[in-house]
N, C-alpha and C. Protein backbone atom coordinates (compact mmCIF):
# COMPACT_ATOMS: atom_id res chain seq x y z
N MET A 1 0.78 -1.22 0.43
CA MET A 1 -0.13 -0.18 0.51
C MET A 1 0.58 0.99 -0.11
N SER A 2 0.82 2.23 -0.64
CA SER A 2 1.51 3.29 -1.14
C SER A 2 1.03 3.87 0.19
N ARG A 3 2.08 5.04 0.37
CA ARG A 3 2.20 6.17 1.54
C ARG A 3 1.01 7.02 1.00
N LYS A 4 0.69 7.12 -0.38
CA LYS A 4 -0.02 8.17 -0.82
C LYS A 4 -1.86 7.79 -0.36
N THR A 5 -2.01 6.22 -0.51
CA THR A 5 -3.28 5.73 -0.25
C THR A 5 -3.15 5.51 1.71
N ILE A 6 -2.35 5.07 1.78
CA ILE A 6 -2.57 5.39 3.95
C ILE A 6 -2.53 6.61 4.45
N LEU A 7 -1.80 8.26 3.14
CA LEU A 7 -2.65 8.87 4.10
C LEU A 7 -4.25 9.47 3.39
N LEU A 8 -4.91 9.00 2.76
CA LEU A 8 -5.96 9.09 2.21
C LEU A 8 -6.90 8.40 3.43
N LEU A 9 -6.42 7.30 3.72
CA LEU A 9 -7.69 6.14 4.86
C LEU A 9 -7.70 6.79 5.73
N THR A 10 -6.16 7.35 6.14
CA THR A 10 -6.14 8.41 7.51
C THR A 10 -7.42 9.20 7.73
N SER A 11 -7.27 10.37 6.14
CA SER A 11 -8.25 11.32 6.39
C SER A 11 -9.07 10.58 6.50
N LEU A 12 -10.13 9.63 5.40
CA LEU A 12 -11.49 9.16 5.86
C LEU A 12 -11.80 9.23 6.80
N ILE A 13 -10.81 8.43 7.60
CA ILE A 13 -11.13 7.60 9.50
C ILE A 13 -11.62 9.00 9.92
N TYR A 14 -10.38 10.07 9.63
CA TYR A 14 -10.70 11.27 10.54
C TYR A 14 -11.86 12.03 10.14
N LEU A 15 -12.67 12.33 9.12
CA LEU A 15 -13.77 12.95 8.24
C LEU A 15 -14.75 11.89 8.77
N LEU A 16 -14.41 10.68 8.71
CA LEU A 16 -16.06 10.49 9.13
C LEU A 16 -16.96 11.11 10.61
N PRO A 17 -16.48 10.94 11.35
CA PRO A 17 -16.99 10.94 12.97
C PRO A 17 -16.97 12.53 12.45
N HIS A 18 -16.83 13.41 11.95
CA HIS A 18 -16.59 15.22 11.72
C HIS A 18 -17.83 14.83 11.23
N ALA A 19 -17.93 14.80 9.90
CA ALA A 19 -19.52 14.34 9.58
C ALA A 19 -20.91 14.30 9.77
N ALA A 20 -20.34 12.90 10.47
CA ALA A 20 -21.53 12.37 11.39
C ALA A 20 -22.13 13.24 12.65
N SER A 21 -20.74 13.98 13.24
CA SER A 21 -21.48 15.49 14.19
C SER A 21 -22.27 16.49 13.79
N CYS A 22 -21.86 16.57 12.16
CA CYS A 22 -22.06 17.60 11.27
C CYS A 22 -24.11 17.51 10.48
N ALA A 23 -23.98 16.21 10.51
CA ALA A 23 -25.37 15.81 9.97
C ALA A 23 -26.71 16.97 10.94
N ALA A 24 -27.47 17.09 9.55
CA ALA A 24 -28.82 18.02 9.88
C ALA A 24 -29.74 17.59 10.77
N TRP A 25 -30.26 18.86 12.32
CA TRP A 25 -30.96 18.70 12.85
C TRP A 25 -31.98 18.01 12.33
N GLU A 26 -33.35 17.90 12.80
CA GLU A 26 -34.35 17.28 12.35
C GLU A 26 -35.26 18.29 13.35
N VAL A 27 -35.64 18.87 13.28
CA VAL A 27 -36.86 20.32 14.24
C VAL A 27 -37.73 20.34 13.61
N THR A 28 -39.01 19.48 14.40
CA THR A 28 -40.66 19.95 14.17
C THR A 28 -41.55 19.92 15.03
N ASN A 29 -42.03 21.22 14.67
CA ASN A 29 -43.02 21.79 15.90
C ASN A 29 -44.62 21.58 15.25
N SER A 30 -44.89 21.34 16.32
CA SER A 30 -46.34 21.18 15.68
C SER A 30 -47.22 22.32 16.45
N VAL A 31 -48.09 22.92 15.71
CA VAL A 31 -49.18 24.15 16.55
C VAL A 31 -50.01 23.99 16.04
N ARG A 32 -50.90 23.61 17.79
CA ARG A 32 -52.50 23.43 18.08
C ARG A 32 -53.02 25.47 18.37
N VAL A 33 -54.12 25.85 17.86
CA VAL A 33 -54.70 26.91 17.84
C VAL A 33 -55.86 26.45 18.47
N GLU A 34 -56.20 26.72 20.17
CA GLU A 34 -57.77 26.14 20.60
C GLU A 34 -58.40 26.90 20.79
N HIS A 35 -59.66 27.63 20.57
CA HIS A 35 -59.98 29.53 20.10
C HIS A 35 -61.25 28.74 21.43
N GLY A 36 -61.55 29.75 22.51
CA GLY A 36 -62.58 29.84 23.58
C GLY A 36 -63.55 30.38 23.15
N THR A 37 -64.64 30.13 23.30
CA THR A 37 -66.10 30.79 23.47
C THR A 37 -66.13 32.46 24.19
N LEU A 38 -66.66 33.08 22.69
CA LEU A 38 -67.12 34.57 22.83
C LEU A 38 -67.58 34.91 23.98
N ARG A 39 -67.16 35.20 25.05
CA ARG A 39 -67.83 36.24 25.68
C ARG A 39 -68.05 37.64 26.33
N ILE A 40 -69.74 38.02 26.03
CA ILE A 40 -70.06 38.83 26.31
C ILE A 40 -70.54 39.33 27.54
N ASP A 41 -69.79 40.93 27.98
CA ASP A 41 -69.80 41.14 29.47
C ASP A 41 -70.16 42.51 30.09
N HIS A 42 -71.98 42.44 30.31
CA HIS A 42 -71.95 43.60 30.58
C HIS A 42 -72.22 44.58 31.62
N SER A 43 -71.05 44.53 32.42
CA SER A 43 -70.80 44.45 33.96
C SER A 43 -70.36 45.66 34.42
N LYS A 44 -69.27 46.41 33.16
CA LYS A 44 -68.37 47.58 33.55
C LYS A 44 -69.22 49.12 33.21
N SER A 45 -68.32 50.01 33.72
CA SER A 45 -68.74 50.75 33.33
C SER A 45 -68.00 51.66 32.55
N MET A 46 -68.41 52.88 31.55
CA MET A 46 -68.05 53.71 30.67
C MET A 46 -66.23 54.19 31.29
N ALA A 47 -66.32 54.48 32.16
CA ALA A 47 -65.23 55.12 32.60
C ALA A 47 -64.47 53.70 33.80
N GLU A 48 -64.36 52.48 33.78
CA GLU A 48 -63.71 51.23 33.83
C GLU A 48 -63.16 50.96 32.53
N ILE A 49 -64.43 50.47 31.23
CA ILE A 49 -63.69 50.51 30.12
C ILE A 49 -62.56 51.55 29.89
N THR A 50 -63.15 52.61 29.71
CA THR A 50 -62.18 53.64 29.36
C THR A 50 -60.42 53.50 30.48
N ARG A 51 -60.60 53.11 31.30
CA ARG A 51 -59.53 53.35 31.84
C ARG A 51 -58.97 51.69 31.52
N ALA A 52 -59.17 50.81 31.73
CA ALA A 52 -59.11 49.36 30.36
C ALA A 52 -57.75 49.78 29.50
N GLN A 53 -58.92 50.56 28.04
CA GLN A 53 -58.15 51.15 26.92
C GLN A 53 -57.33 51.97 26.55
N ALA A 54 -56.95 52.32 27.79
CA ALA A 54 -55.63 53.37 28.08
C ALA A 54 -54.46 52.44 28.59
N LYS A 55 -54.84 51.79 29.05
CA LYS A 55 -53.62 50.32 29.66
C LYS A 55 -53.40 49.60 28.56
N GLY A 56 -54.53 49.66 27.79
CA GLY A 56 -54.04 48.42 26.43
C GLY A 56 -53.39 49.09 25.14
N GLY A 57 -52.84 50.64 25.32
CA GLY A 57 -52.58 51.67 23.97
C GLY A 57 -53.48 51.73 23.47
N PHE A 58 -54.46 51.67 23.88
CA PHE A 58 -55.17 52.28 23.10
C PHE A 58 -56.35 53.48 22.99
N PRO A 59 -55.96 54.54 24.03
CA PRO A 59 -56.69 55.66 24.88
C PRO A 59 -57.80 56.27 24.17
N ALA A 60 -58.93 56.38 24.54
CA ALA A 60 -60.73 57.20 23.96
C ALA A 60 -60.30 57.77 24.39
N LYS A 61 -61.07 58.75 24.95
CA LYS A 61 -61.83 60.15 26.15
C LYS A 61 -62.84 58.76 26.62
N TYR A 62 -63.57 58.42 26.31
CA TYR A 62 -64.65 57.96 26.00
C TYR A 62 -64.49 56.43 26.00
N GLY A 63 -64.81 55.11 27.16
CA GLY A 63 -64.37 53.80 26.51
C GLY A 63 -66.62 53.33 26.70
N LEU A 64 -66.50 52.99 25.17
CA LEU A 64 -67.54 52.75 25.03
C LEU A 64 -67.68 50.52 25.33
N GLY A 65 -66.92 50.40 24.30
CA GLY A 65 -66.72 49.11 24.18
C GLY A 65 -65.57 48.71 24.43
N LEU A 66 -65.32 47.13 24.53
CA LEU A 66 -63.43 46.92 24.64
C LEU A 66 -63.72 44.85 23.89
N PHE A 67 -62.73 44.88 23.45
CA PHE A 67 -63.11 43.52 23.06
C PHE A 67 -61.37 43.40 23.95
N GLN A 68 -60.76 42.11 24.19
CA GLN A 68 -60.12 41.37 24.93
C GLN A 68 -59.27 40.21 24.68
N ASN A 69 -58.77 39.96 24.10
CA ASN A 69 -58.56 38.25 23.76
C ASN A 69 -57.04 37.79 24.63
N GLY A 70 -57.50 36.98 25.51
CA GLY A 70 -56.01 36.55 26.75
C GLY A 70 -55.64 35.36 25.72
N VAL A 71 -54.36 35.39 24.90
CA VAL A 71 -53.59 34.58 24.64
C VAL A 71 -52.75 33.74 25.36
N LYS A 72 -53.13 32.89 25.89
CA LYS A 72 -52.49 31.68 25.88
C LYS A 72 -51.12 30.89 25.70
N THR A 73 -50.24 31.08 25.17
CA THR A 73 -49.34 29.64 24.36
C THR A 73 -48.37 29.04 25.51
N GLU A 74 -48.40 27.90 25.04
CA GLU A 74 -47.33 26.90 25.92
C GLU A 74 -46.33 26.17 24.72
N LEU A 75 -45.01 26.09 24.50
CA LEU A 75 -43.97 25.49 24.68
C LEU A 75 -43.41 24.26 24.89
N LEU A 76 -43.54 23.00 24.39
CA LEU A 76 -43.57 22.31 25.11
C LEU A 76 -41.95 21.12 24.56
N PHE A 77 -41.33 20.64 25.13
CA PHE A 77 -39.81 19.85 24.07
C PHE A 77 -40.25 18.81 24.70
N GLU A 78 -40.65 17.90 23.49
CA GLU A 78 -40.83 16.31 23.68
C GLU A 78 -39.55 15.01 23.50
N ALA A 79 -38.67 14.66 24.88
CA ALA A 79 -38.04 13.96 25.00
C ALA A 79 -36.40 14.25 24.92
N PRO A 80 -36.40 16.14 25.14
CA PRO A 80 -35.88 16.74 24.76
C PRO A 80 -34.23 16.16 25.17
N GLU A 81 -33.85 14.84 26.68
CA GLU A 81 -32.79 14.56 27.00
C GLU A 81 -32.08 13.85 25.95
N THR A 82 -32.82 13.28 24.90
CA THR A 82 -31.86 12.24 23.47
C THR A 82 -31.60 13.00 22.44
N ALA A 83 -32.26 14.47 22.93
CA ALA A 83 -32.30 14.87 21.23
C ALA A 83 -30.54 15.41 21.01
N LEU A 84 -29.65 15.21 21.60
CA LEU A 84 -28.44 15.55 21.22
C LEU A 84 -27.91 13.83 20.47
N ALA A 85 -28.54 12.88 20.86
CA ALA A 85 -27.69 11.43 20.24
C ALA A 85 -28.74 11.27 18.84
N THR A 86 -29.89 11.44 18.96
CA THR A 86 -30.78 11.26 17.89
C THR A 86 -30.68 12.26 16.86
N ARG A 87 -30.46 13.81 17.55
CA ARG A 87 -30.33 15.08 16.58
C ARG A 87 -31.74 15.20 16.00
N ARG A 88 -32.76 15.14 16.87
CA ARG A 88 -34.11 15.06 16.71
C ARG A 88 -35.04 15.76 17.74
N LEU A 89 -35.02 16.93 17.74
CA LEU A 89 -35.54 17.84 18.47
C LEU A 89 -37.59 17.56 18.32
N LYS A 90 -38.60 17.28 19.13
CA LYS A 90 -39.99 17.69 18.22
C LYS A 90 -40.60 18.10 19.73
N LEU A 91 -41.47 19.44 18.85
CA LEU A 91 -41.40 20.12 19.67
C LEU A 91 -42.66 20.26 19.42
N SER A 92 -43.70 20.70 20.16
CA SER A 92 -45.51 21.00 19.75
C SER A 92 -45.90 22.88 20.57
N THR A 93 -46.69 23.89 20.09
CA THR A 93 -47.20 24.85 20.28
C THR A 93 -48.10 24.77 20.62
N ARG A 94 -49.01 25.63 21.47
CA ARG A 94 -50.71 25.42 22.20
C ARG A 94 -50.73 26.38 21.83
N ILE A 95 -51.43 27.10 22.01
CA ILE A 95 -51.79 28.22 22.06
C ILE A 95 -53.56 28.54 21.99
N LEU A 96 -53.78 28.47 23.44
CA LEU A 96 -55.04 28.72 24.08
C LEU A 96 -55.73 30.52 24.23
N THR A 97 -56.80 30.66 23.69
CA THR A 97 -57.71 32.05 23.35
C THR A 97 -59.17 32.47 24.08
N THR A 98 -58.91 33.20 25.51
CA THR A 98 -59.90 33.75 25.71
C THR A 98 -60.73 34.91 25.60
N PRO A 99 -61.29 34.58 24.67
CA PRO A 99 -62.62 36.29 24.50
C PRO A 99 -63.01 36.80 24.98
N ILE A 100 -63.31 37.70 24.81
CA ILE A 100 -64.26 38.35 25.66
C ILE A 100 -64.77 40.21 25.32
N ILE A 101 -66.34 40.57 24.55
CA ILE A 101 -66.21 41.60 24.34
C ILE A 101 -66.51 42.46 25.87
N TYR A 102 -66.71 43.84 25.89
CA TYR A 102 -66.85 44.83 27.21
C TYR A 102 -67.77 45.74 26.50
N VAL A 103 -68.74 45.34 26.94
CA VAL A 103 -70.26 46.53 26.27
C VAL A 103 -70.45 47.54 27.58
N ALA A 104 -69.80 48.86 28.03
CA ALA A 104 -70.21 49.37 28.72
C ALA A 104 -71.88 49.79 29.39
N ARG A 105 -71.96 49.67 30.65
CA ARG A 105 -73.35 49.11 31.29
C ARG A 105 -74.85 50.48 30.67
N GLU A 106 -73.66 51.14 30.53
CA GLU A 106 -74.89 52.78 30.32
C GLU A 106 -75.32 52.00 29.40
N PHE A 107 -75.17 51.68 28.12
CA PHE A 107 -75.82 51.49 26.81
C PHE A 107 -76.80 50.10 27.58
N PRO A 108 -78.36 50.14 27.29
CA PRO A 108 -79.56 49.31 27.70
C PRO A 108 -79.21 47.67 26.49
N VAL A 109 -79.35 46.76 26.94
CA VAL A 109 -79.18 45.49 26.02
C VAL A 109 -79.68 46.18 24.86
N ASP A 110 -80.70 46.39 25.08
CA ASP A 110 -82.22 46.46 23.71
C ASP A 110 -81.83 47.37 23.26
N SER A 111 -80.55 48.41 23.22
CA SER A 111 -80.80 49.64 22.71
C SER A 111 -79.92 49.62 21.13
N CYS A 112 -79.77 50.72 20.08
CA CYS A 112 -79.49 50.50 19.20
C CYS A 112 -78.18 50.88 19.88
N ALA A 113 -77.31 51.15 20.76
CA ALA A 113 -76.20 51.73 20.91
C ALA A 113 -75.66 50.97 21.29
N TYR A 114 -76.15 50.02 22.03
CA TYR A 114 -75.03 48.33 22.47
C TYR A 114 -75.22 47.54 21.35
N ARG A 115 -75.93 47.53 20.15
CA ARG A 115 -75.19 46.48 19.29
C ARG A 115 -74.48 47.39 18.40
N ALA A 116 -74.36 48.87 18.42
CA ALA A 116 -73.15 49.51 17.81
C ALA A 116 -71.82 49.17 18.13
N VAL A 117 -72.30 48.92 19.44
CA VAL A 117 -70.61 48.15 20.21
C VAL A 117 -70.25 47.05 19.87
N ILE A 118 -71.00 46.36 20.24
CA ILE A 118 -71.02 45.30 19.74
C ILE A 118 -70.29 45.02 18.11
N ASP A 119 -70.89 45.44 17.08
CA ASP A 119 -70.14 45.44 16.03
C ASP A 119 -69.49 45.44 15.95
N HIS A 120 -68.64 46.72 16.13
CA HIS A 120 -67.17 46.85 16.46
C HIS A 120 -66.44 46.80 16.98
N GLU A 121 -67.14 46.19 18.37
CA GLU A 121 -66.05 45.27 18.94
C GLU A 121 -65.51 43.66 18.30
N MET A 122 -66.93 43.58 17.04
CA MET A 122 -67.13 42.15 16.68
C MET A 122 -66.18 42.56 15.38
N LEU A 123 -65.42 43.63 14.86
CA LEU A 123 -64.17 43.88 14.22
C LEU A 123 -62.72 43.03 14.92
N HIS A 124 -62.06 43.51 15.71
CA HIS A 124 -61.54 43.64 16.39
C HIS A 124 -61.03 42.38 16.93
N GLN A 125 -62.09 41.39 16.54
CA GLN A 125 -62.03 40.06 17.18
C GLN A 125 -61.72 39.48 15.37
N LEU A 126 -62.78 39.92 14.84
CA LEU A 126 -61.88 39.04 13.89
C LEU A 126 -61.01 39.66 13.12
N PHE A 127 -60.51 40.57 13.37
CA PHE A 127 -59.14 41.14 13.27
C PHE A 127 -57.97 40.02 13.97
N ASP A 128 -58.41 39.99 15.22
CA ASP A 128 -57.90 39.17 16.02
C ASP A 128 -57.40 37.18 14.99
N LEU A 129 -58.71 36.64 14.87
CA LEU A 129 -58.33 35.47 14.63
C LEU A 129 -57.71 35.36 13.06
N GLU A 130 -57.27 36.54 12.24
CA GLU A 130 -56.99 36.90 11.44
C GLU A 130 -55.39 36.44 11.95
N VAL A 131 -54.68 36.87 12.30
CA VAL A 131 -53.78 37.04 13.61
C VAL A 131 -53.35 35.82 13.57
N LEU A 132 -54.59 34.94 14.47
CA LEU A 132 -54.44 33.53 15.04
C LEU A 132 -54.10 32.93 13.61
N ARG A 133 -54.67 32.86 12.60
CA ARG A 133 -55.36 32.11 11.80
C ARG A 133 -53.35 32.06 11.06
N ALA A 134 -52.52 32.76 10.98
CA ALA A 134 -51.40 33.54 10.91
C ALA A 134 -50.45 32.72 11.57
N MET A 135 -50.60 32.30 13.19
CA MET A 135 -49.52 32.13 14.00
C MET A 135 -49.10 30.98 13.64
N PRO A 136 -49.86 29.97 13.20
CA PRO A 136 -49.98 28.49 13.04
C PRO A 136 -47.40 28.39 12.15
N ASP A 137 -47.73 29.20 10.73
CA ASP A 137 -46.53 29.40 10.41
C ASP A 137 -45.68 30.49 10.46
N GLU A 138 -46.20 31.63 11.44
CA GLU A 138 -44.86 32.26 11.73
C GLU A 138 -44.24 31.61 12.86
N VAL A 139 -45.33 30.26 13.97
CA VAL A 139 -44.20 30.19 14.08
C VAL A 139 -43.57 28.84 14.26
N ARG A 140 -43.35 28.24 13.13
CA ARG A 140 -42.96 27.84 12.62
C ARG A 140 -41.79 28.02 11.82
N ALA A 141 -41.59 29.30 11.74
CA ALA A 141 -40.71 30.52 10.60
C ALA A 141 -39.61 30.52 12.05
N ILE A 142 -40.40 30.49 13.61
CA ILE A 142 -39.83 31.29 14.79
C ILE A 142 -39.15 29.97 15.03
N THR A 143 -39.02 29.07 14.58
CA THR A 143 -38.98 27.61 15.41
C THR A 143 -37.06 27.22 14.21
N ARG A 144 -37.62 27.94 13.28
CA ARG A 144 -37.11 27.47 12.53
C ARG A 144 -35.48 27.94 13.01
N LEU A 145 -35.64 29.72 13.53
CA LEU A 145 -34.61 31.02 13.51
C LEU A 145 -34.66 29.89 15.02
N VAL A 146 -34.90 29.93 16.11
CA VAL A 146 -34.32 29.85 17.74
C VAL A 146 -33.95 28.34 17.77
N PHE A 147 -33.88 27.42 16.33
CA PHE A 147 -33.42 26.11 16.79
C PHE A 147 -32.96 25.76 15.51
N SER A 148 -32.26 27.01 14.92
CA SER A 148 -31.63 26.96 13.92
C SER A 148 -30.35 25.79 14.53
N PRO A 149 -29.39 24.44 13.09
CA PRO A 149 -28.17 24.19 13.40
C PRO A 149 -27.51 25.06 13.97
N ASP A 150 -26.78 25.82 14.23
CA ASP A 150 -25.78 26.57 14.13
C ASP A 150 -26.55 27.30 15.87
N GLU A 151 -27.65 27.31 16.17
CA GLU A 151 -28.01 27.35 17.61
C GLU A 151 -27.44 25.99 18.54
N LEU A 152 -27.74 25.02 17.98
CA LEU A 152 -28.58 23.48 18.11
C LEU A 152 -26.69 23.48 18.28
N ASP A 153 -25.79 23.54 17.97
CA ASP A 153 -24.34 23.24 17.67
C ASP A 153 -23.97 23.95 18.84
N TRP A 154 -24.53 25.14 18.75
CA TRP A 154 -23.74 25.76 19.85
C TRP A 154 -23.71 25.39 21.17
N ALA A 155 -24.61 24.82 21.21
CA ALA A 155 -25.77 25.47 22.90
C ALA A 155 -24.66 23.64 23.76
N ARG A 156 -24.51 22.61 24.46
CA ARG A 156 -24.17 21.28 24.27
C ARG A 156 -23.96 21.51 26.31
N PRO A 157 -24.93 20.93 26.27
CA PRO A 157 -25.91 20.12 26.49
C PRO A 157 -27.19 21.59 25.84
N LEU A 158 -28.08 21.13 25.37
CA LEU A 158 -29.42 22.47 25.28
C LEU A 158 -29.45 22.61 26.17
N ASP A 159 -29.61 24.09 25.99
CA ASP A 159 -30.38 25.39 26.86
C ASP A 159 -31.28 25.75 26.38
N LEU A 160 -32.19 24.67 27.55
CA LEU A 160 -33.76 25.00 26.77
C LEU A 160 -34.13 26.35 27.11
N GLU A 161 -33.99 26.64 28.26
CA GLU A 161 -34.32 27.88 28.65
C GLU A 161 -34.42 28.74 28.29
N ARG A 162 -32.85 28.84 28.12
CA ARG A 162 -32.00 29.44 27.14
C ARG A 162 -33.01 30.29 25.47
N ALA A 163 -33.40 29.22 24.95
CA ALA A 163 -33.93 28.85 23.42
C ALA A 163 -35.24 29.21 23.98
N ARG A 164 -36.06 28.63 25.50
CA ARG A 164 -37.16 29.11 24.99
C ARG A 164 -37.40 30.68 25.55
N LYS A 165 -36.52 30.71 26.06
CA LYS A 165 -36.37 32.37 26.18
C LYS A 165 -36.69 33.27 25.26
N ARG A 166 -35.84 32.67 24.06
CA ARG A 166 -35.69 33.70 22.77
C ARG A 166 -37.08 33.14 21.95
N PHE A 167 -37.65 31.79 21.79
CA PHE A 167 -38.90 31.47 21.33
C PHE A 167 -39.95 32.53 21.73
N PHE A 168 -40.17 33.11 22.45
CA PHE A 168 -41.22 33.93 23.29
C PHE A 168 -41.09 35.12 23.02
N GLN A 169 -40.14 36.00 22.80
CA GLN A 169 -39.39 36.69 22.71
C GLN A 169 -39.20 37.26 20.78
N GLN A 170 -39.55 36.25 20.44
CA GLN A 170 -39.73 35.99 19.11
C GLN A 170 -40.63 36.52 18.59
N TYR A 171 -42.15 35.69 19.48
CA TYR A 171 -43.18 35.50 19.04
C TYR A 171 -44.40 36.91 19.52
N LYS A 172 -43.93 37.60 20.80
CA LYS A 172 -44.56 38.54 20.95
C LYS A 172 -43.94 39.63 19.85
N TYR A 173 -43.34 39.64 19.21
CA TYR A 173 -42.49 40.50 18.47
C TYR A 173 -43.85 40.19 17.23
N VAL A 174 -43.93 38.82 16.53
CA VAL A 174 -44.23 38.69 15.63
C VAL A 174 -45.84 38.90 16.04
N TYR A 175 -46.42 38.43 17.39
CA TYR A 175 -47.50 39.01 17.82
C TYR A 175 -48.04 40.39 17.21
N ASP A 176 -47.38 41.31 17.83
CA ASP A 176 -47.57 42.53 17.74
C ASP A 176 -47.23 43.68 16.56
N ALA A 177 -46.23 42.90 15.72
CA ALA A 177 -46.70 43.18 14.53
C ALA A 177 -47.57 42.88 13.54
N LEU A 178 -47.98 41.52 13.87
CA LEU A 178 -49.47 41.49 12.92
C LEU A 178 -50.87 41.99 13.56
N SER A 179 -50.65 42.37 15.24
CA SER A 179 -52.04 42.93 15.72
C SER A 179 -52.27 44.31 15.96
N LEU A 180 -51.01 44.37 15.82
CA LEU A 180 -51.44 46.38 15.80
C LEU A 180 -51.64 46.84 14.99
N PRO A 181 -51.87 46.75 13.83
CA PRO A 181 -51.74 47.54 13.19
C PRO A 181 -53.38 47.07 12.83
N ARG A 182 -53.79 46.41 12.18
CA ARG A 182 -54.99 45.88 12.32
C ARG A 182 -56.07 46.64 13.34
N HIS A 183 -55.97 46.96 14.48
CA HIS A 183 -56.59 46.86 15.40
C HIS A 183 -56.13 49.14 15.55
N GLN A 184 -55.47 49.17 15.02
CA GLN A 184 -55.21 50.73 14.92
C GLN A 184 -56.48 51.20 13.69
N ARG A 185 -56.60 49.65 12.92
CA ARG A 185 -57.59 50.58 11.82
C ARG A 185 -58.15 51.26 12.31
N ILE A 186 -59.17 50.88 13.15
CA ILE A 186 -60.35 51.30 13.81
C ILE A 186 -60.84 52.00 15.20
N ASP A 187 -59.23 51.66 16.08
CA ASP A 187 -59.12 52.82 17.16
C ASP A 187 -58.74 53.73 16.88
N ASN A 188 -59.24 54.73 16.35
CA ASN A 188 -58.26 56.07 15.72
C ASN A 188 -59.76 56.82 16.18
N PRO A 189 -59.81 58.38 16.09
CA PRO A 189 -59.79 59.72 17.00
C PRO A 189 -61.21 59.53 15.75
N GLU A 190 -61.29 58.84 14.49
CA GLU A 190 -62.55 59.48 13.12
C GLU A 190 -62.98 58.00 13.40
N SER A 191 -62.93 57.05 13.76
CA SER A 191 -63.09 55.52 13.65
C SER A 191 -64.03 55.98 15.38
N TYR A 192 -64.43 56.08 16.43
CA TYR A 192 -64.57 56.59 17.23
C TYR A 192 -66.19 57.97 17.08
N ARG A 193 -65.23 59.07 16.18
CA ARG A 193 -66.59 60.24 15.67
C ARG A 193 -67.10 59.19 14.99
N ARG A 194 -67.27 58.42 14.35
CA ARG A 194 -68.33 57.62 12.96
C ARG A 194 -69.11 56.99 14.08
N LEU A 195 -68.41 56.26 15.35
CA LEU A 195 -69.45 55.53 15.91
C LEU A 195 -70.46 56.24 16.99
N SER A 196 -69.92 57.43 16.69
CA SER A 196 -70.81 58.68 17.49
C SER A 196 -72.06 58.94 17.81
N ARG A 197 -71.98 59.18 15.98
CA ARG A 197 -72.93 59.28 14.83
C ARG A 197 -73.95 58.45 15.43
N LEU A 198 -74.24 57.47 15.45
CA LEU A 198 -74.77 56.36 14.74
C LEU A 198 -76.39 56.40 15.78
N CYS A 199 -77.04 55.38 15.49
CA CYS A 199 -78.30 55.40 16.29
C CYS A 199 -79.03 56.95 16.29
N ASN A 200 -78.86 57.54 15.45
CA ASN A 200 -80.15 58.65 15.33
C ASN A 200 -79.33 59.31 16.31
N GLY A 201 -77.79 59.57 16.46
CA GLY A 201 -77.65 60.47 17.91
C GLY A 201 -77.37 59.48 19.49
N GLU A 202 -78.34 58.85 19.48
CA GLU A 202 -78.17 57.81 19.84
C GLU A 202 -76.96 57.61 21.73
N ILE A 203 -76.12 57.68 20.52
CA ILE A 203 -74.35 57.48 21.71
C ILE A 203 -73.84 59.05 22.02
N THR A 204 -74.50 59.73 21.11
CA THR A 204 -73.81 61.27 21.49
C THR A 204 -75.00 61.73 22.78
N ARG A 205 -76.05 61.43 22.70
CA ARG A 205 -76.69 61.97 23.92
C ARG A 205 -76.86 61.41 25.02
N LEU A 206 -76.10 60.22 25.33
CA LEU A 206 -74.95 59.84 26.31
C LEU A 206 -73.76 60.12 26.29
N LEU A 207 -73.10 60.55 25.66
CA LEU A 207 -71.70 60.76 26.15
C LEU A 207 -71.53 62.49 26.17
N ALA A 208 -72.77 63.03 26.01
CA ALA A 208 -72.72 64.72 26.25
C ALA A 208 -73.47 64.61 27.55
N GLY A 209 -74.23 63.60 28.45
CA GLY A 209 -75.13 63.63 30.02
C GLY A 209 -73.27 62.98 30.54
N LYS A 210 -72.61 63.01 29.27
CA LYS A 210 -71.05 62.38 30.98
C LYS A 210 -70.28 64.11 30.87
N GLN A 211 -70.67 64.83 30.21
CA GLN A 211 -70.00 66.25 30.08
C GLN A 211 -69.27 66.60 31.65
N PRO A 212 -68.96 67.25 31.31
CA PRO A 212 -69.18 67.72 33.27
C PRO A 212 -69.87 68.56 33.07
């Protein structure tokens, strides 16, 4: 056997384990969205809703109604202790929602104003459903970013808490980027003025009664 052949075989022996260590990771994330039943709450006053709107970043002089969707997101790792050996990382993401519409109790249930406020807040729910429909694909894109081969090779053993933190940072950024512009389309002064002119002035008269 020539010296050249021996050197070639030696190189192959060195490269085999190195190639195995660089094998591509298989990372999957199954995403499930569980929609809660929409509830209507008629127990809050206009003053309470106004304060809640301001806390949510949509201040208005009078809070006639408010849509809120409590979104709880869970990220689960399946068998992470064997991930390094198998180079397979299985994740699952569960998104649970609890949508609720608040209508100021100053509006009687059988009034036109009550119906107009609910119709306005239902638009917010539709915007939220648009975002939730987009989130499974967004979550998979976030997964590819956070659990990229470079990141997985960098962390030995897998730093699951660091990965989880990065995942939720990206998740919040994407969710807000999709959500805020949609809601701002109808949460603005002009939209509120249009709403106040509905119902033959019923809403305007109620608001006039709230003037100091």
